[in-house]
Amino acid sequence: MVSNGDYDMDLDRANYTVAGFNTHYGTHIEPFEQLIPIRPIKYAYINTEALNMRSTPEVTPTNDIGTLKLNDDVPIIEEKNGWYRIEGWISKNYTRPK
């Protein structure tokens, strides 16, 4: 039994810095503060009852990763050949500008 009541905590973990972790394990992880944040280029609303989100900017039988609904407000990160990238890809044809 864990004395502090936190049954999920790994009490044997090493308390490395990111640089120390990389050195110890031979990895190349970047600290969060050095990552460049992704900022939306614009926002849009979904203008159809249901819109499938895709893993790639194309329609295939296996790339459906979720569904958005009418009036969902989405941040657009990238635009490519009639598709918008949010967390996945959606067809530009089923959106309207915010």
PDB file of N, CA and C in Angstrom:
ATOM      1  N   MET A   1       0.843  -1.182   0.000  1.00  0.00           N
ATOM      2  CA  MET A   1       0.000   0.000   0.000  1.00  0.00           C
ATOM      3  C   MET A   1       0.885   1.240   0.000  1.00  0.00           C
ATOM      4  N   VAL A   2       0.492   2.255  -0.795  1.00  0.00           N
ATOM      5  CA  VAL A   2       1.243   3.500  -0.888  1.00  0.00           C
ATOM      6  C   VAL A   2       0.809   4.412   0.248  1.00  0.00           C
ATOM      7  N   SER A   3       1.768   4.933   0.984  1.00  0.00           N
ATOM      8  CA  SER A   3       1.452   5.701   2.189  1.00  0.00           C
ATOM      9  C   SER A   3       0.779   7.034   1.910  1.00  0.00           C
ATOM     10  N   ASN A   4       1.027   7.653   0.747  1.00  0.00           N
ATOM     11  CA  ASN A   4       0.423   8.956   0.492  1.00  0.00           C
ATOM     12  C   ASN A   4      -0.946   8.843  -0.179  1.00  0.00           C
ATOM     13  N   GLY A   5      -1.412   7.644  -0.440  1.00  0.00           N
ATOM     14  CA  GLY A   5      -2.737   7.447  -1.020  1.00  0.00           C
ATOM     15  C   GLY A   5      -2.801   7.563  -2.529  1.00  0.00           C
ATOM     16  N   ASP A   6      -1.697   7.847  -3.196  1.00  0.00           N
ATOM     17  CA  ASP A   6      -1.691   7.972  -4.648  1.00  0.00           C
ATOM     18  C   ASP A   6      -1.256   6.634  -5.244  1.00  0.00           C
ATOM     19  N   TYR A   7      -2.230   5.808  -5.610  1.00  0.00           N
ATOM     20  CA  TYR A   7      -1.954   4.454  -6.093  1.00  0.00           C
ATOM     21  C   TYR A   7      -1.425   4.435  -7.524  1.00  0.00           C
ATOM     22  N   ASP A   8      -1.591   5.561  -8.279  1.00  0.00           N
ATOM     23  CA  ASP A   8      -1.159   5.597  -9.671  1.00  0.00           C
ATOM     24  C   ASP A   8       0.266   6.110  -9.829  1.00  0.00           C
ATOM     25  N   MET A   9       0.828   6.687  -8.795  1.00  0.00           N
ATOM     26  CA  MET A   9       2.142   7.310  -8.911  1.00  0.00           C
ATOM     27  C   MET A   9       3.250   6.260  -8.916  1.00  0.00           C
ATOM     28  N   ASP A  10       4.197   6.438  -9.829  1.00  0.00           N
ATOM     29  CA  ASP A  10       5.375   5.586  -9.869  1.00  0.00           C
ATOM     30  C   ASP A  10       6.422   6.210  -8.954  1.00  0.00           C
ATOM     31  N   LEU A  11       6.570   5.681  -7.759  1.00  0.00           N
ATOM     32  CA  LEU A  11       7.472   6.266  -6.771  1.00  0.00           C
ATOM     33  C   LEU A  11       8.938   5.983  -7.069  1.00  0.00           C
ATOM     34  N   ASP A  12       9.234   5.133  -8.053  1.00  0.00           N
ATOM     35  CA  ASP A  12      10.608   4.801  -8.389  1.00  0.00           C
ATOM     36  C   ASP A  12      11.112   5.532  -9.627  1.00  0.00           C
ATOM     37  N   ARG A  13      10.329   6.452 -10.156  1.00  0.00           N
ATOM     38  CA  ARG A  13      10.750   7.125 -11.386  1.00  0.00           C
ATOM     39  C   ARG A  13      11.933   8.059 -11.118  1.00  0.00           C
ATOM     40  N   ALA A  14      12.732   8.310 -12.155  1.00  0.00           N
ATOM     41  CA  ALA A  14      13.870   9.222 -12.046  1.00  0.00           C
ATOM     42  C   ALA A  14      13.389  10.637 -12.310  1.00  0.00           C
ATOM     43  N   ASN A  15      13.894  11.563 -11.589  1.00  0.00           N
ATOM     44  CA  ASN A  15      13.505  12.976 -11.765  1.00  0.00           C
ATOM     45  C   ASN A  15      14.541  13.696 -12.622  1.00  0.00           C
ATOM     46  N   TYR A  16      14.521  13.430 -13.931  1.00  0.00           N
ATOM     47  CA  TYR A  16      15.465  14.018 -14.861  1.00  0.00           C
ATOM     48  C   TYR A  16      14.957  15.360 -15.380  1.00  0.00           C
ATOM     49  N   THR A  17      15.886  16.202 -15.828  1.00  0.00           N
ATOM     50  CA  THR A  17      15.534  17.309 -16.700  1.00  0.00           C
ATOM     51  C   THR A  17      15.405  16.708 -18.093  1.00  0.00           C
ATOM     52  N   VAL A  18      14.877  17.473 -19.035  1.00  0.00           N
ATOM     53  CA  VAL A  18      14.774  16.952 -20.406  1.00  0.00           C
ATOM     54  C   VAL A  18      16.168  16.643 -20.945  1.00  0.00           C
ATOM     55  N   ALA A  19      17.127  17.529 -20.702  1.00  0.00           N
ATOM     56  CA  ALA A  19      18.497  17.295 -21.173  1.00  0.00           C
ATOM     57  C   ALA A  19      19.083  16.040 -20.522  1.00  0.00           C
ATOM     58  N   GLY A  20      18.837  15.880 -19.216  1.00  0.00           N
ATOM     59  CA  GLY A  20      19.326  14.696 -18.517  1.00  0.00           C
ATOM     60  C   GLY A  20      18.681  13.420 -19.024  1.00  0.00           C
ATOM     61  N   PHE A  21      17.387  13.468 -19.297  1.00  0.00           N
ATOM     62  CA  PHE A  21      16.666  12.323 -19.838  1.00  0.00           C
ATOM     63  C   PHE A  21      17.249  11.943 -21.199  1.00  0.00           C
ATOM     64  N   ASN A  22      17.451  12.956 -22.064  1.00  0.00           N
ATOM     65  CA  ASN A  22      18.021  12.696 -23.394  1.00  0.00           C
ATOM     66  C   ASN A  22      19.400  12.054 -23.290  1.00  0.00           C
ATOM     67  N   THR A  23      20.222  12.559 -22.392  1.00  0.00           N
ATOM     68  CA  THR A  23      21.566  12.001 -22.202  1.00  0.00           C
ATOM     69  C   THR A  23      21.491  10.563 -21.697  1.00  0.00           C
ATOM     70  N   HIS A  24      20.663  10.337 -20.693  1.00  0.00           N
ATOM     71  CA  HIS A  24      20.564   9.007 -20.087  1.00  0.00           C
ATOM     72  C   HIS A  24      20.019   7.955 -21.058  1.00  0.00           C
ATOM     73  N   TYR A  25      18.966   8.327 -21.814  1.00  0.00           N
ATOM     74  CA  TYR A  25      18.301   7.350 -22.684  1.00  0.00           C
ATOM     75  C   TYR A  25      18.660   7.480 -24.154  1.00  0.00           C
ATOM     76  N   GLY A  26      19.497   8.448 -24.523  1.00  0.00           N
ATOM     77  CA  GLY A  26      19.901   8.599 -25.922  1.00  0.00           C
ATOM     78  C   GLY A  26      18.779   9.091 -26.814  1.00  0.00           C
ATOM     79  N   THR A  27      17.857   9.882 -26.265  1.00  0.00           N
ATOM     80  CA  THR A  27      16.741  10.417 -27.046  1.00  0.00           C
ATOM     81  C   THR A  27      17.039  11.850 -27.458  1.00  0.00           C
ATOM     82  N   HIS A  28      16.121  12.439 -28.210  1.00  0.00           N
ATOM     83  CA  HIS A  28      16.273  13.819 -28.685  1.00  0.00           C
ATOM     84  C   HIS A  28      14.969  14.590 -28.480  1.00  0.00           C
ATOM     85  N   ILE A  29      14.396  14.476 -27.312  1.00  0.00           N
ATOM     86  CA  ILE A  29      13.140  15.153 -27.004  1.00  0.00           C
ATOM     87  C   ILE A  29      13.418  16.631 -26.753  1.00  0.00           C
ATOM     88  N   GLU A  30      12.543  17.504 -27.287  1.00  0.00           N
ATOM     89  CA  GLU A  30      12.684  18.940 -27.053  1.00  0.00           C
ATOM     90  C   GLU A  30      11.829  19.348 -25.858  1.00  0.00           C
ATOM     91  N   PRO A  31      12.342  20.229 -25.013  1.00  0.00           N
ATOM     92  CA  PRO A  31      11.508  20.743 -23.911  1.00  0.00           C
ATOM     93  C   PRO A  31      10.310  21.506 -24.472  1.00  0.00           C
ATOM     94  N   PHE A  32       9.207  21.503 -23.742  1.00  0.00           N
ATOM     95  CA  PHE A  32       7.991  22.171 -24.212  1.00  0.00           C
ATOM     96  C   PHE A  32       8.217  23.630 -24.564  1.00  0.00           C
ATOM     97  N   GLU A  33       8.979  24.341 -23.762  1.00  0.00           N
ATOM     98  CA  GLU A  33       9.164  25.765 -24.009  1.00  0.00           C
ATOM     99  C   GLU A  33       9.920  26.041 -25.307  1.00  0.00           C
ATOM    100  N   GLN A  34      10.564  25.034 -25.902  1.00  0.00           N
ATOM    101  CA  GLN A  34      11.272  25.227 -27.154  1.00  0.00           C
ATOM    102  C   GLN A  34      10.433  24.837 -28.368  1.00  0.00           C
ATOM    103  N   LEU A  35       9.273  24.247 -28.157  1.00  0.00           N
ATOM    104  CA  LEU A  35       8.413  23.874 -29.267  1.00  0.00           C
ATOM    105  C   LEU A  35       7.712  25.112 -29.804  1.00  0.00           C
ATOM    106  N   ILE A  36       7.542  25.165 -31.098  1.00  0.00           N
ATOM    107  CA  ILE A  36       6.847  26.292 -31.714  1.00  0.00           C
ATOM    108  C   ILE A  36       5.353  25.988 -31.695  1.00  0.00           C
ATOM    109  N   PRO A  37       4.549  26.848 -31.079  1.00  0.00           N
ATOM    110  CA  PRO A  37       3.112  26.578 -31.032  1.00  0.00           C
ATOM    111  C   PRO A  37       2.474  26.704 -32.415  1.00  0.00           C
ATOM    112  N   ILE A  38       1.499  25.865 -32.659  1.00  0.00           N
ATOM    113  CA  ILE A  38       0.756  25.939 -33.916  1.00  0.00           C
ATOM    114  C   ILE A  38      -0.383  26.923 -33.706  1.00  0.00           C
ATOM    115  N   ARG A  39      -0.400  27.953 -34.517  1.00  0.00           N
ATOM    116  CA  ARG A  39      -1.449  28.958 -34.404  1.00  0.00           C
ATOM    117  C   ARG A  39      -2.372  28.835 -35.610  1.00  0.00           C
ATOM    118  N   PRO A  40      -3.672  28.898 -35.377  1.00  0.00           N
ATOM    119  CA  PRO A  40      -4.615  28.831 -36.497  1.00  0.00           C
ATOM    120  C   PRO A  40      -4.412  29.988 -37.471  1.00  0.00           C
ATOM    121  N   ILE A  41      -4.625  29.714 -38.752  1.00  0.00           N
ATOM    122  CA  ILE A  41      -4.554  30.772 -39.753  1.00  0.00           C
ATOM    123  C   ILE A  41      -5.908  31.472 -39.878  1.00  0.00           C
ATOM    124  N   LYS A  42      -6.977  30.767 -39.474  1.00  0.00           N
ATOM    125  CA  LYS A  42      -8.332  31.332 -39.445  1.00  0.00           C
ATOM    126  C   LYS A  42      -9.237  30.353 -38.724  1.00  0.00           C
ATOM    127  N   TYR A  43     -10.485  30.737 -38.573  1.00  0.00           N
ATOM    128  CA  TYR A  43     -11.493  29.894 -37.923  1.00  0.00           C
ATOM    129  C   TYR A  43     -12.682  29.738 -38.865  1.00  0.00           C
ATOM    130  N   ALA A  44     -13.399  28.641 -38.702  1.00  0.00           N
ATOM    131  CA  ALA A  44     -14.581  28.393 -39.532  1.00  0.00           C
ATOM    132  C   ALA A  44     -15.636  27.674 -38.701  1.00  0.00           C
ATOM    133  N   TYR A  45     -16.870  27.718 -39.204  1.00  0.00           N
ATOM    134  CA  TYR A  45     -17.977  26.957 -38.615  1.00  0.00           C
ATOM    135  C   TYR A  45     -18.324  25.810 -39.553  1.00  0.00           C
ATOM    136  N   ILE A  46     -18.742  24.706 -39.000  1.00  0.00           N
ATOM    137  CA  ILE A  46     -19.245  23.588 -39.799  1.00  0.00           C
ATOM    138  C   ILE A  46     -20.659  23.944 -40.232  1.00  0.00           C
ATOM    139  N   ASN A  47     -20.976  23.792 -41.532  1.00  0.00           N
ATOM    140  CA  ASN A  47     -22.299  24.179 -42.023  1.00  0.00           C
ATOM    141  C   ASN A  47     -23.102  22.999 -42.568  1.00  0.00           C
ATOM    142  N   THR A  48     -22.886  21.822 -42.001  1.00  0.00           N
ATOM    143  CA  THR A  48     -23.657  20.638 -42.347  1.00  0.00           C
ATOM    144  C   THR A  48     -23.952  19.867 -41.063  1.00  0.00           C
ATOM    145  N   GLU A  49     -24.969  19.048 -41.063  1.00  0.00           N
ATOM    146  CA  GLU A  49     -25.382  18.333 -39.848  1.00  0.00           C
ATOM    147  C   GLU A  49     -24.273  17.469 -39.267  1.00  0.00           C
ATOM    148  N   ALA A  50     -23.493  16.804 -40.111  1.00  0.00           N
ATOM    149  CA  ALA A  50     -22.391  15.949 -39.651  1.00  0.00           C
ATOM    150  C   ALA A  50     -21.290  15.981 -40.704  1.00  0.00           C
ATOM    151  N   LEU A  51     -20.056  16.165 -40.249  1.00  0.00           N
ATOM    152  CA  LEU A  51     -18.919  16.216 -41.162  1.00  0.00           C
ATOM    153  C   LEU A  51     -17.827  15.298 -40.634  1.00  0.00           C
ATOM    154  N   ASN A  52     -17.421  14.340 -41.462  1.00  0.00           N
ATOM    155  CA  ASN A  52     -16.357  13.420 -41.075  1.00  0.00           C
ATOM    156  C   ASN A  52     -14.999  14.126 -41.093  1.00  0.00           C
ATOM    157  N   MET A  53     -14.221  13.883 -40.054  1.00  0.00           N
ATOM    158  CA  MET A  53     -12.841  14.350 -40.008  1.00  0.00           C
ATOM    159  C   MET A  53     -11.971  13.190 -40.474  1.00  0.00           C
ATOM    160  N   ARG A  54     -10.982  13.489 -41.309  1.00  0.00           N
ATOM    161  CA  ARG A  54     -10.149  12.462 -41.934  1.00  0.00           C
ATOM    162  C   ARG A  54      -8.703  12.546 -41.445  1.00  0.00           C
ATOM    163  N   SER A  55      -8.000  11.451 -41.493  1.00  0.00           N
ATOM    164  CA  SER A  55      -6.584  11.433 -41.104  1.00  0.00           C
ATOM    165  C   SER A  55      -5.693  12.005 -42.200  1.00  0.00           C
ATOM    166  N   THR A  56      -6.176  12.010 -43.431  1.00  0.00           N
ATOM    167  CA  THR A  56      -5.451  12.572 -44.573  1.00  0.00           C
ATOM    168  C   THR A  56      -6.424  13.421 -45.387  1.00  0.00           C
ATOM    169  N   PRO A  57      -5.940  14.355 -46.206  1.00  0.00           N
ATOM    170  CA  PRO A  57      -6.837  15.208 -46.986  1.00  0.00           C
ATOM    171  C   PRO A  57      -7.390  14.513 -48.234  1.00  0.00           C
ATOM    172  N   GLU A  58      -8.138  13.454 -47.999  1.00  0.00           N
ATOM    173  CA  GLU A  58      -8.773  12.678 -49.074  1.00  0.00           C
ATOM    174  C   GLU A  58      -9.824  11.777 -48.443  1.00  0.00           C
ATOM    175  N   VAL A  59     -10.746  11.309 -49.260  1.00  0.00           N
ATOM    176  CA  VAL A  59     -11.776  10.384 -48.775  1.00  0.00           C
ATOM    177  C   VAL A  59     -11.346   8.967 -49.124  1.00  0.00           C
ATOM    178  N   THR A  60     -11.139   8.153 -48.084  1.00  0.00           N
ATOM    179  CA  THR A  60     -10.855   6.736 -48.273  1.00  0.00           C
ATOM    180  C   THR A  60     -11.699   5.969 -47.256  1.00  0.00           C
ATOM    181  N   PRO A  61     -11.905   4.676 -47.470  1.00  0.00           N
ATOM    182  CA  PRO A  61     -12.723   3.898 -46.535  1.00  0.00           C
ATOM    183  C   PRO A  61     -12.124   3.788 -45.127  1.00  0.00           C
ATOM    184  N   THR A  62     -10.830   4.056 -44.980  1.00  0.00           N
ATOM    185  CA  THR A  62     -10.187   3.815 -43.685  1.00  0.00           C
ATOM    186  C   THR A  62      -9.661   5.066 -42.982  1.00  0.00           C
ATOM    187  N   ASN A  63      -9.884   6.252 -43.532  1.00  0.00           N
ATOM    188  CA  ASN A  63      -9.275   7.415 -42.896  1.00  0.00           C
ATOM    189  C   ASN A  63     -10.245   8.295 -42.108  1.00  0.00           C
ATOM    190  N   ASP A  64     -11.427   7.802 -41.795  1.00  0.00           N
ATOM    191  CA  ASP A  64     -12.396   8.534 -40.979  1.00  0.00           C
ATOM    192  C   ASP A  64     -11.974   8.443 -39.514  1.00  0.00           C
ATOM    193  N   ILE A  65     -11.720   9.603 -38.876  1.00  0.00           N
ATOM    194  CA  ILE A  65     -11.250   9.586 -37.486  1.00  0.00           C
ATOM    195  C   ILE A  65     -12.186  10.302 -36.515  1.00  0.00           C
ATOM    196  N   GLY A  66     -13.304  10.810 -37.007  1.00  0.00           N
ATOM    197  CA  GLY A  66     -14.232  11.482 -36.100  1.00  0.00           C
ATOM    198  C   GLY A  66     -15.284  12.237 -36.873  1.00  0.00           C
ATOM    199  N   THR A  67     -16.222  12.816 -36.136  1.00  0.00           N
ATOM    200  CA  THR A  67     -17.323  13.550 -36.756  1.00  0.00           C
ATOM    201  C   THR A  67     -17.530  14.874 -36.040  1.00  0.00           C
ATOM    202  N   LEU A  68     -17.696  15.909 -36.833  1.00  0.00           N
ATOM    203  CA  LEU A  68     -18.043  17.232 -36.311  1.00  0.00           C
ATOM    204  C   LEU A  68     -19.508  17.485 -36.598  1.00  0.00           C
ATOM    205  N   LYS A  69     -20.104  18.433 -35.878  1.00  0.00           N
ATOM    206  CA  LYS A  69     -21.531  18.687 -36.090  1.00  0.00           C
ATOM    207  C   LYS A  69     -21.787  20.138 -36.448  1.00  0.00           C
ATOM    208  N   LEU A  70     -22.996  20.417 -36.891  1.00  0.00           N
ATOM    209  CA  LEU A  70     -23.423  21.740 -37.340  1.00  0.00           C
ATOM    210  C   LEU A  70     -23.040  22.812 -36.329  1.00  0.00           C
ATOM    211  N   ASN A  71     -22.449  23.875 -36.822  1.00  0.00           N
ATOM    212  CA  ASN A  71     -22.041  25.055 -36.055  1.00  0.00           C
ATOM    213  C   ASN A  71     -20.841  24.843 -35.132  1.00  0.00           C
ATOM    214  N   ASP A  72     -20.178  23.676 -35.203  1.00  0.00           N
ATOM    215  CA  ASP A  72     -18.928  23.542 -34.462  1.00  0.00           C
ATOM    216  C   ASP A  72     -17.951  24.604 -34.961  1.00  0.00           C
ATOM    217  N   ASP A  73     -17.239  25.213 -34.047  1.00  0.00           N
ATOM    218  CA  ASP A  73     -16.262  26.258 -34.326  1.00  0.00           C
ATOM    219  C   ASP A  73     -14.888  25.595 -34.366  1.00  0.00           C
ATOM    220  N   VAL A  74     -14.208  25.641 -35.520  1.00  0.00           N
ATOM    221  CA  VAL A  74     -12.938  24.925 -35.653  1.00  0.00           C
ATOM    222  C   VAL A  74     -11.798  25.866 -36.040  1.00  0.00           C
ATOM    223  N   PRO A  75     -10.618  25.662 -35.437  1.00  0.00           N
ATOM    224  CA  PRO A  75      -9.434  26.431 -35.826  1.00  0.00           C
ATOM    225  C   PRO A  75      -8.763  25.775 -37.028  1.00  0.00           C
ATOM    226  N   ILE A  76      -8.528  26.542 -38.065  1.00  0.00           N
ATOM    227  CA  ILE A  76      -7.894  26.034 -39.285  1.00  0.00           C
ATOM    228  C   ILE A  76      -6.380  26.247 -39.168  1.00  0.00           C
ATOM    229  N   ILE A  77      -5.626  25.165 -39.257  1.00  0.00           N
ATOM    230  CA  ILE A  77      -4.172  25.229 -39.137  1.00  0.00           C
ATOM    231  C   ILE A  77      -3.508  25.295 -40.513  1.00  0.00           C
ATOM    232  N   GLU A  78      -4.136  24.659 -41.504  1.00  0.00           N
ATOM    233  CA  GLU A  78      -3.543  24.576 -42.843  1.00  0.00           C
ATOM    234  C   GLU A  78      -4.654  24.398 -43.858  1.00  0.00           C
ATOM    235  N   GLU A  79      -4.430  24.889 -45.064  1.00  0.00           N
ATOM    236  CA  GLU A  79      -5.367  24.685 -46.168  1.00  0.00           C
ATOM    237  C   GLU A  79      -4.616  24.017 -47.306  1.00  0.00           C
ATOM    238  N   LYS A  80      -5.245  22.970 -47.896  1.00  0.00           N
ATOM    239  CA  LYS A  80      -4.564  22.222 -48.954  1.00  0.00           C
ATOM    240  C   LYS A  80      -5.585  21.611 -49.903  1.00  0.00           C
ATOM    241  N   ASN A  81      -5.605  22.044 -51.148  1.00  0.00           N
ATOM    242  CA  ASN A  81      -6.437  21.464 -52.203  1.00  0.00           C
ATOM    243  C   ASN A  81      -7.891  21.247 -51.803  1.00  0.00           C
ATOM    244  N   GLY A  82      -8.518  22.256 -51.221  1.00  0.00           N
ATOM    245  CA  GLY A  82      -9.930  22.155 -50.853  1.00  0.00           C
ATOM    246  C   GLY A  82     -10.176  21.495 -49.495  1.00  0.00           C
ATOM    247  N   TRP A  83      -9.122  21.270 -48.732  1.00  0.00           N
ATOM    248  CA  TRP A  83      -9.233  20.663 -47.403  1.00  0.00           C
ATOM    249  C   TRP A  83      -8.658  21.616 -46.362  1.00  0.00           C
ATOM    250  N   TYR A  84      -9.214  21.552 -45.168  1.00  0.00           N
ATOM    251  CA  TYR A  84      -8.688  22.289 -44.018  1.00  0.00           C
ATOM    252  C   TYR A  84      -8.137  21.282 -43.020  1.00  0.00           C
ATOM    253  N   ARG A  85      -6.956  21.585 -42.470  1.00  0.00           N
ATOM    254  CA  ARG A  85      -6.420  20.748 -41.390  1.00  0.00           C
ATOM    255  C   ARG A  85      -6.773  21.399 -40.067  1.00  0.00           C
ATOM    256  N   ILE A  86      -7.409  20.634 -39.205  1.00  0.00           N
ATOM    257  CA  ILE A  86      -7.679  21.048 -37.835  1.00  0.00           C
ATOM    258  C   ILE A  86      -6.873  20.062 -36.992  1.00  0.00           C
ATOM    259  N   GLU A  87      -7.489  19.180 -36.237  1.00  0.00           N
ATOM    260  CA  GLU A  87      -6.754  18.065 -35.622  1.00  0.00           C
ATOM    261  C   GLU A  87      -6.563  16.960 -36.654  1.00  0.00           C
ATOM    262  N   GLY A  88      -7.469  16.875 -37.573  1.00  0.00           N
ATOM    263  CA  GLY A  88      -7.410  16.000 -38.734  1.00  0.00           C
ATOM    264  C   GLY A  88      -7.720  16.885 -39.932  1.00  0.00           C
ATOM    265  N   TRP A  89      -8.327  16.314 -40.962  1.00  0.00           N
ATOM    266  CA  TRP A  89      -8.656  17.070 -42.174  1.00  0.00           C
ATOM    267  C   TRP A  89     -10.166  17.067 -42.403  1.00  0.00           C
ATOM    268  N   ILE A  90     -10.694  18.200 -42.838  1.00  0.00           N
ATOM    269  CA  ILE A  90     -12.118  18.310 -43.195  1.00  0.00           C
ATOM    270  C   ILE A  90     -12.236  18.991 -44.555  1.00  0.00           C
ATOM    271  N   SER A  91     -13.315  18.679 -45.261  1.00  0.00           N
ATOM    272  CA  SER A  91     -13.545  19.307 -46.555  1.00  0.00           C
ATOM    273  C   SER A  91     -13.943  20.764 -46.349  1.00  0.00           C
ATOM    274  N   LYS A  92     -13.275  21.654 -47.064  1.00  0.00           N
ATOM    275  CA  LYS A  92     -13.566  23.090 -47.014  1.00  0.00           C
ATOM    276  C   LYS A  92     -14.997  23.375 -47.457  1.00  0.00           C
ATOM    277  N   ASN A  93     -15.546  22.515 -48.322  1.00  0.00           N
ATOM    278  CA  ASN A  93     -16.881  22.737 -48.886  1.00  0.00           C
ATOM    279  C   ASN A  93     -18.002  22.725 -47.846  1.00  0.00           C
ATOM    280  N   TYR A  94     -17.745  22.182 -46.668  1.00  0.00           N
ATOM    281  CA  TYR A  94     -18.778  22.059 -45.644  1.00  0.00           C
ATOM    282  C   TYR A  94     -18.519  22.996 -44.462  1.00  0.00           C
ATOM    283  N   THR A  95     -17.843  24.112 -44.756  1.00  0.00           N
ATOM    284  CA  THR A  95     -17.576  25.117 -43.718  1.00  0.00           C
ATOM    285  C   THR A  95     -18.001  26.485 -44.207  1.00  0.00           C
ATOM    286  N   ARG A  96     -18.106  27.404 -43.265  1.00  0.00           N
ATOM    287  CA  ARG A  96     -18.330  28.804 -43.584  1.00  0.00           C
ATOM    288  C   ARG A  96     -17.403  29.631 -42.684  1.00  0.00           C
ATOM    289  N   PRO A  97     -16.969  30.795 -43.158  1.00  0.00           N
ATOM    290  CA  PRO A  97     -16.040  31.610 -42.354  1.00  0.00           C
ATOM    291  C   PRO A  97     -16.666  32.042 -41.031  1.00  0.00           C
ATOM    292  N   LYS A  98     -15.826  32.191 -40.060  1.00  0.00           N
ATOM    293  CA  LYS A  98     -16.279  32.677 -38.750  1.00  0.00           C
ATOM    294  C   LYS A  98     -16.303  34.175 -38.770  1.00  0.00           C
TER     295      LYS A  98
END
